[in-house]
Amino acid sequence: GAVVAAVCVAVVVLRWHYPTDALGGVCVGV
């Protein structure tokens, strides 16, 4: 959970994705 959360934060900090894009990725992957 910590690793997934950190990657979510990373893609937002890099401005690759919106936070909801990252949450969508969590839902699809899991």
mmCIF file of all heavy atoms, coordinates in Angstrom:
data_MODEL
# 
_entry.id   MODEL 
# 
loop_
_atom_site.group_PDB 
_atom_site.id 
_atom_site.type_symbol 
_atom_site.label_atom_id 
_atom_site.label_alt_id 
_atom_site.label_comp_id 
_atom_site.label_asym_id 
_atom_site.label_entity_id 
_atom_site.label_seq_id 
_atom_site.pdbx_PDB_ins_code 
_atom_site.Cartn_x 
_atom_site.Cartn_y 
_atom_site.Cartn_z 
_atom_site.occupancy 
_atom_site.B_iso_or_equiv 
_atom_site.pdbx_formal_charge 
_atom_site.auth_seq_id 
_atom_site.auth_comp_id 
_atom_site.auth_asym_id 
_atom_site.auth_atom_id 
_atom_site.pdbx_PDB_model_num 
ATOM 1   N N   . GLY A 1 1  ? 0.816   -1.213 0.000   1.00 0.00 ? 1  GLY A N   1 
ATOM 2   C CA  . GLY A 1 1  ? 0.000   0.000  0.000   1.00 0.00 ? 1  GLY A CA  1 
ATOM 3   C C   . GLY A 1 1  ? 0.846   1.258  0.000   1.00 0.00 ? 1  GLY A C   1 
ATOM 4   O O   . GLY A 1 1  ? 0.532   2.229  -0.701  1.00 0.00 ? 1  GLY A O   1 
ATOM 5   N N   . ALA A 1 2  ? 1.929   1.227  0.765   1.00 0.00 ? 2  ALA A N   1 
ATOM 6   C CA  . ALA A 1 2  ? 2.822   2.392  0.825   1.00 0.00 ? 2  ALA A CA  1 
ATOM 7   C C   . ALA A 1 2  ? 3.504   2.635  -0.517  1.00 0.00 ? 2  ALA A C   1 
ATOM 8   O O   . ALA A 1 2  ? 3.631   3.783  -0.967  1.00 0.00 ? 2  ALA A O   1 
ATOM 9   C CB  . ALA A 1 2  ? 3.866   2.186  1.926   1.00 0.00 ? 2  ALA A CB  1 
ATOM 10  N N   . VAL A 1 3  ? 3.944   1.560  -1.158  1.00 0.00 ? 3  VAL A N   1 
ATOM 11  C CA  . VAL A 1 3  ? 4.613   1.700  -2.466  1.00 0.00 ? 3  VAL A CA  1 
ATOM 12  C C   . VAL A 1 3  ? 3.630   2.242  -3.505  1.00 0.00 ? 3  VAL A C   1 
ATOM 13  O O   . VAL A 1 3  ? 3.955   3.160  -4.268  1.00 0.00 ? 3  VAL A O   1 
ATOM 14  C CB  . VAL A 1 3  ? 5.215   0.356  -2.927  1.00 0.00 ? 3  VAL A CB  1 
ATOM 15  C CG1 . VAL A 1 3  ? 5.683   0.425  -4.377  1.00 0.00 ? 3  VAL A CG1 1 
ATOM 16  C CG2 . VAL A 1 3  ? 6.370   -0.043 -2.022  1.00 0.00 ? 3  VAL A CG2 1 
ATOM 17  N N   . VAL A 1 4  ? 2.430   1.680  -3.541  1.00 0.00 ? 4  VAL A N   1 
ATOM 18  C CA  . VAL A 1 4  ? 1.429   2.148  -4.506  1.00 0.00 ? 4  VAL A CA  1 
ATOM 19  C C   . VAL A 1 4  ? 1.086   3.616  -4.258  1.00 0.00 ? 4  VAL A C   1 
ATOM 20  O O   . VAL A 1 4  ? 1.019   4.417  -5.193  1.00 0.00 ? 4  VAL A O   1 
ATOM 21  C CB  . VAL A 1 4  ? 0.167   1.258  -4.455  1.00 0.00 ? 4  VAL A CB  1 
ATOM 22  C CG1 . VAL A 1 4  ? -0.969  1.877  -5.258  1.00 0.00 ? 4  VAL A CG1 1 
ATOM 23  C CG2 . VAL A 1 4  ? 0.478   -0.145 -4.970  1.00 0.00 ? 4  VAL A CG2 1 
ATOM 24  N N   . ALA A 1 5  ? 0.899   3.992  -2.998  1.00 0.00 ? 5  ALA A N   1 
ATOM 25  C CA  . ALA A 1 5  ? 0.599   5.388  -2.669  1.00 0.00 ? 5  ALA A CA  1 
ATOM 26  C C   . ALA A 1 5  ? 1.743   6.306  -3.087  1.00 0.00 ? 5  ALA A C   1 
ATOM 27  O O   . ALA A 1 5  ? 1.516   7.402  -3.630  1.00 0.00 ? 5  ALA A O   1 
ATOM 28  C CB  . ALA A 1 5  ? 0.325   5.524  -1.170  1.00 0.00 ? 5  ALA A CB  1 
ATOM 29  N N   . ALA A 1 6  ? 2.981   5.861  -2.865  1.00 0.00 ? 6  ALA A N   1 
ATOM 30  C CA  . ALA A 1 6  ? 4.144   6.678  -3.240  1.00 0.00 ? 6  ALA A CA  1 
ATOM 31  C C   . ALA A 1 6  ? 4.228   6.860  -4.750  1.00 0.00 ? 6  ALA A C   1 
ATOM 32  O O   . ALA A 1 6  ? 4.557   7.957  -5.233  1.00 0.00 ? 6  ALA A O   1 
ATOM 33  C CB  . ALA A 1 6  ? 5.421   6.027  -2.709  1.00 0.00 ? 6  ALA A CB  1 
ATOM 34  N N   . VAL A 1 7  ? 3.912   5.820  -5.503  1.00 0.00 ? 7  VAL A N   1 
ATOM 35  C CA  . VAL A 1 7  ? 3.929   5.938  -6.968  1.00 0.00 ? 7  VAL A CA  1 
ATOM 36  C C   . VAL A 1 7  ? 2.808   6.870  -7.426  1.00 0.00 ? 7  VAL A C   1 
ATOM 37  O O   . VAL A 1 7  ? 2.998   7.664  -8.354  1.00 0.00 ? 7  VAL A O   1 
ATOM 38  C CB  . VAL A 1 7  ? 3.833   4.544  -7.635  1.00 0.00 ? 7  VAL A CB  1 
ATOM 39  C CG1 . VAL A 1 7  ? 3.664   4.675  -9.147  1.00 0.00 ? 7  VAL A CG1 1 
ATOM 40  C CG2 . VAL A 1 7  ? 5.076   3.715  -7.317  1.00 0.00 ? 7  VAL A CG2 1 
ATOM 41  N N   . CYS A 1 8  ? 1.651   6.792  -6.779  1.00 0.00 ? 8  CYS A N   1 
ATOM 42  C CA  . CYS A 1 8  ? 0.557   7.724  -7.099  1.00 0.00 ? 8  CYS A CA  1 
ATOM 43  C C   . CYS A 1 8  ? 1.015   9.170  -6.899  1.00 0.00 ? 8  CYS A C   1 
ATOM 44  O O   . CYS A 1 8  ? 0.780   10.033 -7.756  1.00 0.00 ? 8  CYS A O   1 
ATOM 45  C CB  . CYS A 1 8  ? -0.664  7.442  -6.219  1.00 0.00 ? 8  CYS A CB  1 
ATOM 46  S SG  . CYS A 1 8  ? -1.564  5.941  -6.631  1.00 0.00 ? 8  CYS A SG  1 
ATOM 47  N N   . VAL A 1 9  ? 1.666   9.437  -5.779  1.00 0.00 ? 9  VAL A N   1 
ATOM 48  C CA  . VAL A 1 9  ? 2.174   10.779 -5.507  1.00 0.00 ? 9  VAL A CA  1 
ATOM 49  C C   . VAL A 1 9  ? 3.225   11.167 -6.542  1.00 0.00 ? 9  VAL A C   1 
ATOM 50  O O   . VAL A 1 9  ? 3.240   12.299 -7.054  1.00 0.00 ? 9  VAL A O   1 
ATOM 51  C CB  . VAL A 1 9  ? 2.750   10.870 -4.078  1.00 0.00 ? 9  VAL A CB  1 
ATOM 52  C CG1 . VAL A 1 9  ? 3.486   12.190 -3.871  1.00 0.00 ? 9  VAL A CG1 1 
ATOM 53  C CG2 . VAL A 1 9  ? 1.642   10.701 -3.039  1.00 0.00 ? 9  VAL A CG2 1 
ATOM 54  N N   . ALA A 1 10 ? 4.090   10.230 -6.909  1.00 0.00 ? 10 ALA A N   1 
ATOM 55  C CA  . ALA A 1 10 ? 5.166   10.524 -7.870  1.00 0.00 ? 10 ALA A CA  1 
ATOM 56  C C   . ALA A 1 10 ? 4.616   10.967 -9.222  1.00 0.00 ? 10 ALA A C   1 
ATOM 57  O O   . ALA A 1 10 ? 5.083   11.962 -9.787  1.00 0.00 ? 10 ALA A O   1 
ATOM 58  C CB  . ALA A 1 10 ? 6.061   9.295  -8.037  1.00 0.00 ? 10 ALA A CB  1 
ATOM 59  N N   . VAL A 1 11 ? 3.607   10.261 -9.745  1.00 0.00 ? 11 VAL A N   1 
ATOM 60  C CA  . VAL A 1 11 ? 3.084   10.636 -11.068 1.00 0.00 ? 11 VAL A CA  1 
ATOM 61  C C   . VAL A 1 11 ? 2.336   11.969 -11.020 1.00 0.00 ? 11 VAL A C   1 
ATOM 62  O O   . VAL A 1 11 ? 2.256   12.666 -12.037 1.00 0.00 ? 11 VAL A O   1 
ATOM 63  C CB  . VAL A 1 11 ? 2.216   9.519  -11.696 1.00 0.00 ? 11 VAL A CB  1 
ATOM 64  C CG1 . VAL A 1 11 ? 3.031   8.253  -11.915 1.00 0.00 ? 11 VAL A CG1 1 
ATOM 65  C CG2 . VAL A 1 11 ? 0.957   9.236  -10.896 1.00 0.00 ? 11 VAL A CG2 1 
ATOM 66  N N   . VAL A 1 12 ? 1.824   12.323 -9.849  1.00 0.00 ? 12 VAL A N   1 
ATOM 67  C CA  . VAL A 1 12 ? 1.173   13.633 -9.698  1.00 0.00 ? 12 VAL A CA  1 
ATOM 68  C C   . VAL A 1 12 ? 2.230   14.732 -9.597  1.00 0.00 ? 12 VAL A C   1 
ATOM 69  O O   . VAL A 1 12 ? 2.119   15.783 -10.243 1.00 0.00 ? 12 VAL A O   1 
ATOM 70  C CB  . VAL A 1 12 ? 0.231   13.645 -8.475  1.00 0.00 ? 12 VAL A CB  1 
ATOM 71  C CG1 . VAL A 1 12 ? -0.282  15.056 -8.191  1.00 0.00 ? 12 VAL A CG1 1 
ATOM 72  C CG2 . VAL A 1 12 ? -0.938  12.690 -8.686  1.00 0.00 ? 12 VAL A CG2 1 
ATOM 73  N N   . VAL A 1 13 ? 3.270   14.491 -8.811  1.00 0.00 ? 13 VAL A N   1 
ATOM 74  C CA  . VAL A 1 13 ? 4.358   15.472 -8.668  1.00 0.00 ? 13 VAL A CA  1 
ATOM 75  C C   . VAL A 1 13 ? 5.031   15.736 -10.017 1.00 0.00 ? 13 VAL A C   1 
ATOM 76  O O   . VAL A 1 13 ? 5.371   16.869 -10.350 1.00 0.00 ? 13 VAL A O   1 
ATOM 77  C CB  . VAL A 1 13 ? 5.389   14.968 -7.632  1.00 0.00 ? 13 VAL A CB  1 
ATOM 78  C CG1 . VAL A 1 13 ? 6.682   15.751 -7.702  1.00 0.00 ? 13 VAL A CG1 1 
ATOM 79  C CG2 . VAL A 1 13 ? 4.804   15.068 -6.232  1.00 0.00 ? 13 VAL A CG2 1 
ATOM 80  N N   . LEU A 1 14 ? 5.190   14.686 -10.817 1.00 0.00 ? 14 LEU A N   1 
ATOM 81  C CA  . LEU A 1 14 ? 5.811   14.833 -12.136 1.00 0.00 ? 14 LEU A CA  1 
ATOM 82  C C   . LEU A 1 14 ? 4.857   15.448 -13.155 1.00 0.00 ? 14 LEU A C   1 
ATOM 83  O O   . LEU A 1 14 ? 5.256   15.756 -14.273 1.00 0.00 ? 14 LEU A O   1 
ATOM 84  C CB  . LEU A 1 14 ? 6.287   13.467 -12.649 1.00 0.00 ? 14 LEU A CB  1 
ATOM 85  C CG  . LEU A 1 14 ? 7.437   12.827 -11.879 1.00 0.00 ? 14 LEU A CG  1 
ATOM 86  C CD1 . LEU A 1 14 ? 7.635   11.381 -12.308 1.00 0.00 ? 14 LEU A CD1 1 
ATOM 87  C CD2 . LEU A 1 14 ? 8.727   13.626 -12.056 1.00 0.00 ? 14 LEU A CD2 1 
ATOM 88  N N   . ARG A 1 15 ? 3.586   15.606 -12.746 1.00 0.00 ? 15 ARG A N   1 
ATOM 89  C CA  . ARG A 1 15 ? 2.530   16.150 -13.600 1.00 0.00 ? 15 ARG A CA  1 
ATOM 90  C C   . ARG A 1 15 ? 2.302   15.295 -14.846 1.00 0.00 ? 15 ARG A C   1 
ATOM 91  O O   . ARG A 1 15 ? 1.991   15.808 -15.914 1.00 0.00 ? 15 ARG A O   1 
ATOM 92  C CB  . ARG A 1 15 ? 2.806   17.607 -13.969 1.00 0.00 ? 15 ARG A CB  1 
ATOM 93  C CG  . ARG A 1 15 ? 2.751   18.579 -12.796 1.00 0.00 ? 15 ARG A CG  1 
ATOM 94  C CD  . ARG A 1 15 ? 1.415   18.478 -12.047 1.00 0.00 ? 15 ARG A CD  1 
ATOM 95  N NE  . ARG A 1 15 ? 1.209   19.518 -11.064 1.00 0.00 ? 15 ARG A NE  1 
ATOM 96  C CZ  . ARG A 1 15 ? 1.241   19.321 -9.742  1.00 0.00 ? 15 ARG A CZ  1 
ATOM 97  N NH1 . ARG A 1 15 ? 1.505   18.127 -9.240  1.00 0.00 ? 15 ARG A NH1 1 
ATOM 98  N NH2 . ARG A 1 15 ? 0.998   20.318 -8.909  1.00 0.00 ? 15 ARG A NH2 1 
ATOM 99  N N   . TRP A 1 16 ? 2.436   13.977 -14.667 1.00 0.00 ? 16 TRP A N   1 
ATOM 100 C CA  . TRP A 1 16 ? 2.046   13.043 -15.719 1.00 0.00 ? 16 TRP A CA  1 
ATOM 101 C C   . TRP A 1 16 ? 0.551   12.808 -15.670 1.00 0.00 ? 16 TRP A C   1 
ATOM 102 O O   . TRP A 1 16 ? -0.068  12.507 -16.675 1.00 0.00 ? 16 TRP A O   1 
ATOM 103 C CB  . TRP A 1 16 ? 2.746   11.701 -15.538 1.00 0.00 ? 16 TRP A CB  1 
ATOM 104 C CG  . TRP A 1 16 ? 4.221   11.716 -15.720 1.00 0.00 ? 16 TRP A CG  1 
ATOM 105 C CD1 . TRP A 1 16 ? 5.021   12.771 -16.051 1.00 0.00 ? 16 TRP A CD1 1 
ATOM 106 C CD2 . TRP A 1 16 ? 5.095   10.592 -15.570 1.00 0.00 ? 16 TRP A CD2 1 
ATOM 107 N NE1 . TRP A 1 16 ? 6.336   12.370 -16.105 1.00 0.00 ? 16 TRP A NE1 1 
ATOM 108 C CE2 . TRP A 1 16 ? 6.409   11.041 -15.816 1.00 0.00 ? 16 TRP A CE2 1 
ATOM 109 C CE3 . TRP A 1 16 ? 4.899   9.257  -15.237 1.00 0.00 ? 16 TRP A CE3 1 
ATOM 110 C CZ2 . TRP A 1 16 ? 7.511   10.198 -15.767 1.00 0.00 ? 16 TRP A CZ2 1 
ATOM 111 C CZ3 . TRP A 1 16 ? 5.993   8.414  -15.178 1.00 0.00 ? 16 TRP A CZ3 1 
ATOM 112 C CH2 . TRP A 1 16 ? 7.291   8.876  -15.443 1.00 0.00 ? 16 TRP A CH2 1 
ATOM 113 N N   . HIS A 1 17 ? -0.005  12.885 -14.452 1.00 0.00 ? 17 HIS A N   1 
ATOM 114 C CA  . HIS A 1 17 ? -1.409  12.526 -14.235 1.00 0.00 ? 17 HIS A CA  1 
ATOM 115 C C   . HIS A 1 17 ? -2.059  13.406 -13.193 1.00 0.00 ? 17 HIS A C   1 
ATOM 116 O O   . HIS A 1 17 ? -1.391  13.945 -12.311 1.00 0.00 ? 17 HIS A O   1 
ATOM 117 C CB  . HIS A 1 17 ? -1.518  11.073 -13.750 1.00 0.00 ? 17 HIS A CB  1 
ATOM 118 C CG  . HIS A 1 17 ? -1.076  10.063 -14.754 1.00 0.00 ? 17 HIS A CG  1 
ATOM 119 N ND1 . HIS A 1 17 ? -1.836  9.732  -15.852 1.00 0.00 ? 17 HIS A ND1 1 
ATOM 120 C CD2 . HIS A 1 17 ? 0.049   9.307  -14.831 1.00 0.00 ? 17 HIS A CD2 1 
ATOM 121 C CE1 . HIS A 1 17 ? -1.190  8.814  -16.565 1.00 0.00 ? 17 HIS A CE1 1 
ATOM 122 N NE2 . HIS A 1 17 ? -0.049  8.555  -15.977 1.00 0.00 ? 17 HIS A NE2 1 
ATOM 123 N N   . TYR A 1 18 ? -3.388  13.483 -13.281 1.00 0.00 ? 18 TYR A N   1 
ATOM 124 C CA  . TYR A 1 18 ? -4.188  14.028 -12.200 1.00 0.00 ? 18 TYR A CA  1 
ATOM 125 C C   . TYR A 1 18 ? -4.299  12.963 -11.110 1.00 0.00 ? 18 TYR A C   1 
ATOM 126 O O   . TYR A 1 18 ? -4.155  11.764 -11.389 1.00 0.00 ? 18 TYR A O   1 
ATOM 127 C CB  . TYR A 1 18 ? -5.602  14.380 -12.690 1.00 0.00 ? 18 TYR A CB  1 
ATOM 128 C CG  . TYR A 1 18 ? -5.667  15.522 -13.659 1.00 0.00 ? 18 TYR A CG  1 
ATOM 129 C CD1 . TYR A 1 18 ? -6.091  15.319 -14.972 1.00 0.00 ? 18 TYR A CD1 1 
ATOM 130 C CD2 . TYR A 1 18 ? -5.335  16.807 -13.256 1.00 0.00 ? 18 TYR A CD2 1 
ATOM 131 C CE1 . TYR A 1 18 ? -6.169  16.367 -15.868 1.00 0.00 ? 18 TYR A CE1 1 
ATOM 132 C CE2 . TYR A 1 18 ? -5.412  17.874 -14.153 1.00 0.00 ? 18 TYR A CE2 1 
ATOM 133 C CZ  . TYR A 1 18 ? -5.824  17.636 -15.458 1.00 0.00 ? 18 TYR A CZ  1 
ATOM 134 O OH  . TYR A 1 18 ? -5.885  18.688 -16.332 1.00 0.00 ? 18 TYR A OH  1 
ATOM 135 N N   . PRO A 1 19 ? -4.579  13.373 -9.881  1.00 0.00 ? 19 PRO A N   1 
ATOM 136 C CA  . PRO A 1 19 ? -4.765  12.376 -8.818  1.00 0.00 ? 19 PRO A CA  1 
ATOM 137 C C   . PRO A 1 19 ? -5.836  11.326 -9.143  1.00 0.00 ? 19 PRO A C   1 
ATOM 138 O O   . PRO A 1 19 ? -5.676  10.147 -8.827  1.00 0.00 ? 19 PRO A O   1 
ATOM 139 C CB  . PRO A 1 19 ? -5.162  13.219 -7.607  1.00 0.00 ? 19 PRO A CB  1 
ATOM 140 C CG  . PRO A 1 19 ? -4.465  14.519 -7.837  1.00 0.00 ? 19 PRO A CG  1 
ATOM 141 C CD  . PRO A 1 19 ? -4.563  14.736 -9.322  1.00 0.00 ? 19 PRO A CD  1 
ATOM 142 N N   . THR A 1 20 ? -6.924  11.727 -9.806  1.00 0.00 ? 20 THR A N   1 
ATOM 143 C CA  . THR A 1 20 ? -7.959  10.741 -10.151 1.00 0.00 ? 20 THR A CA  1 
ATOM 144 C C   . THR A 1 20 ? -7.481  9.761  -11.219 1.00 0.00 ? 20 THR A C   1 
ATOM 145 O O   . THR A 1 20 ? -7.969  8.626  -11.275 1.00 0.00 ? 20 THR A O   1 
ATOM 146 C CB  . THR A 1 20 ? -9.259  11.437 -10.603 1.00 0.00 ? 20 THR A CB  1 
ATOM 147 O OG1 . THR A 1 20 ? -8.951  12.429 -11.578 1.00 0.00 ? 20 THR A OG1 1 
ATOM 148 C CG2 . THR A 1 20 ? -9.981  12.065 -9.421  1.00 0.00 ? 20 THR A CG2 1 
ATOM 149 N N   . ASP A 1 21 ? -6.524  10.157 -12.050 1.00 0.00 ? 21 ASP A N   1 
ATOM 150 C CA  . ASP A 1 21 ? -5.926  9.212  -13.003 1.00 0.00 ? 21 ASP A CA  1 
ATOM 151 C C   . ASP A 1 21 ? -5.163  8.123  -12.249 1.00 0.00 ? 21 ASP A C   1 
ATOM 152 O O   . ASP A 1 21 ? -5.226  6.942  -12.598 1.00 0.00 ? 21 ASP A O   1 
ATOM 153 C CB  . ASP A 1 21 ? -4.942  9.924  -13.940 1.00 0.00 ? 21 ASP A CB  1 
ATOM 154 C CG  . ASP A 1 21 ? -5.590  11.001 -14.789 1.00 0.00 ? 21 ASP A CG  1 
ATOM 155 O OD1 . ASP A 1 21 ? -6.799  10.907 -15.059 1.00 0.00 ? 21 ASP A OD1 1 
ATOM 156 O OD2 . ASP A 1 21 ? -4.864  11.928 -15.184 1.00 0.00 ? 21 ASP A OD2 1 
ATOM 157 N N   . ALA A 1 22 ? -4.449  8.555  -11.207 1.00 0.00 ? 22 ALA A N   1 
ATOM 158 C CA  . ALA A 1 22 ? -3.687  7.597  -10.394 1.00 0.00 ? 22 ALA A CA  1 
ATOM 159 C C   . ALA A 1 22 ? -4.631  6.657  -9.653  1.00 0.00 ? 22 ALA A C   1 
ATOM 160 O O   . ALA A 1 22 ? -4.409  5.441  -9.616  1.00 0.00 ? 22 ALA A O   1 
ATOM 161 C CB  . ALA A 1 22 ? -2.785  8.343  -9.413  1.00 0.00 ? 22 ALA A CB  1 
ATOM 162 N N   . LEU A 1 23 ? -5.708  7.195  -9.084  1.00 0.00 ? 23 LEU A N   1 
ATOM 163 C CA  . LEU A 1 23 ? -6.686  6.351  -8.388  1.00 0.00 ? 23 LEU A CA  1 
ATOM 164 C C   . LEU A 1 23 ? -7.338  5.366  -9.350  1.00 0.00 ? 23 LEU A C   1 
ATOM 165 O O   . LEU A 1 23 ? -7.583  4.201  -9.000  1.00 0.00 ? 23 LEU A O   1 
ATOM 166 C CB  . LEU A 1 23 ? -7.743  7.216  -7.708  1.00 0.00 ? 23 LEU A CB  1 
ATOM 167 C CG  . LEU A 1 23 ? -7.260  8.070  -6.544  1.00 0.00 ? 23 LEU A CG  1 
ATOM 168 C CD1 . LEU A 1 23 ? -8.368  8.997  -6.057  1.00 0.00 ? 23 LEU A CD1 1 
ATOM 169 C CD2 . LEU A 1 23 ? -6.754  7.191  -5.406  1.00 0.00 ? 23 LEU A CD2 1 
ATOM 170 N N   . GLY A 1 24 ? -7.608  5.811  -10.564 1.00 0.00 ? 24 GLY A N   1 
ATOM 171 C CA  . GLY A 1 24 ? -8.143  4.904  -11.586 1.00 0.00 ? 24 GLY A CA  1 
ATOM 172 C C   . GLY A 1 24 ? -7.180  3.774  -11.887 1.00 0.00 ? 24 GLY A C   1 
ATOM 173 O O   . GLY A 1 24 ? -7.585  2.618  -12.068 1.00 0.00 ? 24 GLY A O   1 
ATOM 174 N N   . GLY A 1 25 ? -5.885  4.082  -11.923 1.00 0.00 ? 25 GLY A N   1 
ATOM 175 C CA  . GLY A 1 25 ? -4.874  3.051  -12.148 1.00 0.00 ? 25 GLY A CA  1 
ATOM 176 C C   . GLY A 1 25 ? -4.848  2.024  -11.032 1.00 0.00 ? 25 GLY A C   1 
ATOM 177 O O   . GLY A 1 25 ? -4.686  0.824  -11.283 1.00 0.00 ? 25 GLY A O   1 
ATOM 178 N N   . VAL A 1 26 ? -5.022  2.476  -9.790  1.00 0.00 ? 26 VAL A N   1 
ATOM 179 C CA  . VAL A 1 26 ? -5.085  1.551  -8.650  1.00 0.00 ? 26 VAL A CA  1 
ATOM 180 C C   . VAL A 1 26 ? -6.270  0.608  -8.823  1.00 0.00 ? 26 VAL A C   1 
ATOM 181 O O   . VAL A 1 26 ? -6.145  -0.612 -8.670  1.00 0.00 ? 26 VAL A O   1 
ATOM 182 C CB  . VAL A 1 26 ? -5.192  2.311  -7.309  1.00 0.00 ? 26 VAL A CB  1 
ATOM 183 C CG1 . VAL A 1 26 ? -5.435  1.339  -6.165  1.00 0.00 ? 26 VAL A CG1 1 
ATOM 184 C CG2 . VAL A 1 26 ? -3.934  3.133  -7.051  1.00 0.00 ? 26 VAL A CG2 1 
ATOM 185 N N   . CYS A 1 27 ? -7.421  1.171  -9.162  1.00 0.00 ? 27 CYS A N   1 
ATOM 186 C CA  . CYS A 1 27 ? -8.631  0.348  -9.320  1.00 0.00 ? 27 CYS A CA  1 
ATOM 187 C C   . CYS A 1 27 ? -8.468  -0.677 -10.433 1.00 0.00 ? 27 CYS A C   1 
ATOM 188 O O   . CYS A 1 27 ? -8.854  -1.840 -10.273 1.00 0.00 ? 27 CYS A O   1 
ATOM 189 C CB  . CYS A 1 27 ? -9.836  1.232  -9.605  1.00 0.00 ? 27 CYS A CB  1 
ATOM 190 S SG  . CYS A 1 27 ? -10.365 2.221  -8.198  1.00 0.00 ? 27 CYS A SG  1 
ATOM 191 N N   . VAL A 1 28 ? -7.884  -0.278 -11.546 1.00 0.00 ? 28 VAL A N   1 
ATOM 192 C CA  . VAL A 1 28 ? -7.720  -1.206 -12.671 1.00 0.00 ? 28 VAL A CA  1 
ATOM 193 C C   . VAL A 1 28 ? -6.688  -2.281 -12.339 1.00 0.00 ? 28 VAL A C   1 
ATOM 194 O O   . VAL A 1 28 ? -6.925  -3.474 -12.575 1.00 0.00 ? 28 VAL A O   1 
ATOM 195 C CB  . VAL A 1 28 ? -7.321  -0.459 -13.965 1.00 0.00 ? 28 VAL A CB  1 
ATOM 196 C CG1 . VAL A 1 28 ? -6.988  -1.443 -15.078 1.00 0.00 ? 28 VAL A CG1 1 
ATOM 197 C CG2 . VAL A 1 28 ? -8.440  0.471  -14.409 1.00 0.00 ? 28 VAL A CG2 1 
ATOM 198 N N   . GLY A 1 29 ? -5.538  -1.877 -11.788 1.00 0.00 ? 29 GLY A N   1 
ATOM 199 C CA  . GLY A 1 29 ? -4.487  -2.853 -11.489 1.00 0.00 ? 29 GLY A CA  1 
ATOM 200 C C   . GLY A 1 29 ? -4.906  -3.883 -10.461 1.00 0.00 ? 29 GLY A C   1 
ATOM 201 O O   . GLY A 1 29 ? -4.815  -5.093 -10.686 1.00 0.00 ? 29 GLY A O   1 
ATOM 202 N N   . VAL A 1 30 ? -5.400  -3.417 -9.321  1.00 0.00 ? 30 VAL A N   1 
ATOM 203 C CA  . VAL A 1 30 ? -5.832  -4.330 -8.259  1.00 0.00 ? 30 VAL A CA  1 
ATOM 204 C C   . VAL A 1 30 ? -7.071  -5.097 -8.705  1.00 0.00 ? 30 VAL A C   1 
ATOM 205 O O   . VAL A 1 30 ? -7.176  -6.310 -8.506  1.00 0.00 ? 30 VAL A O   1 
ATOM 206 C CB  . VAL A 1 30 ? -6.106  -3.555 -6.947  1.00 0.00 ? 30 VAL A CB  1 
ATOM 207 C CG1 . VAL A 1 30 ? -6.687  -4.479 -5.885  1.00 0.00 ? 30 VAL A CG1 1 
ATOM 208 C CG2 . VAL A 1 30 ? -4.824  -2.904 -6.437  1.00 0.00 ? 30 VAL A CG2 1 
# 
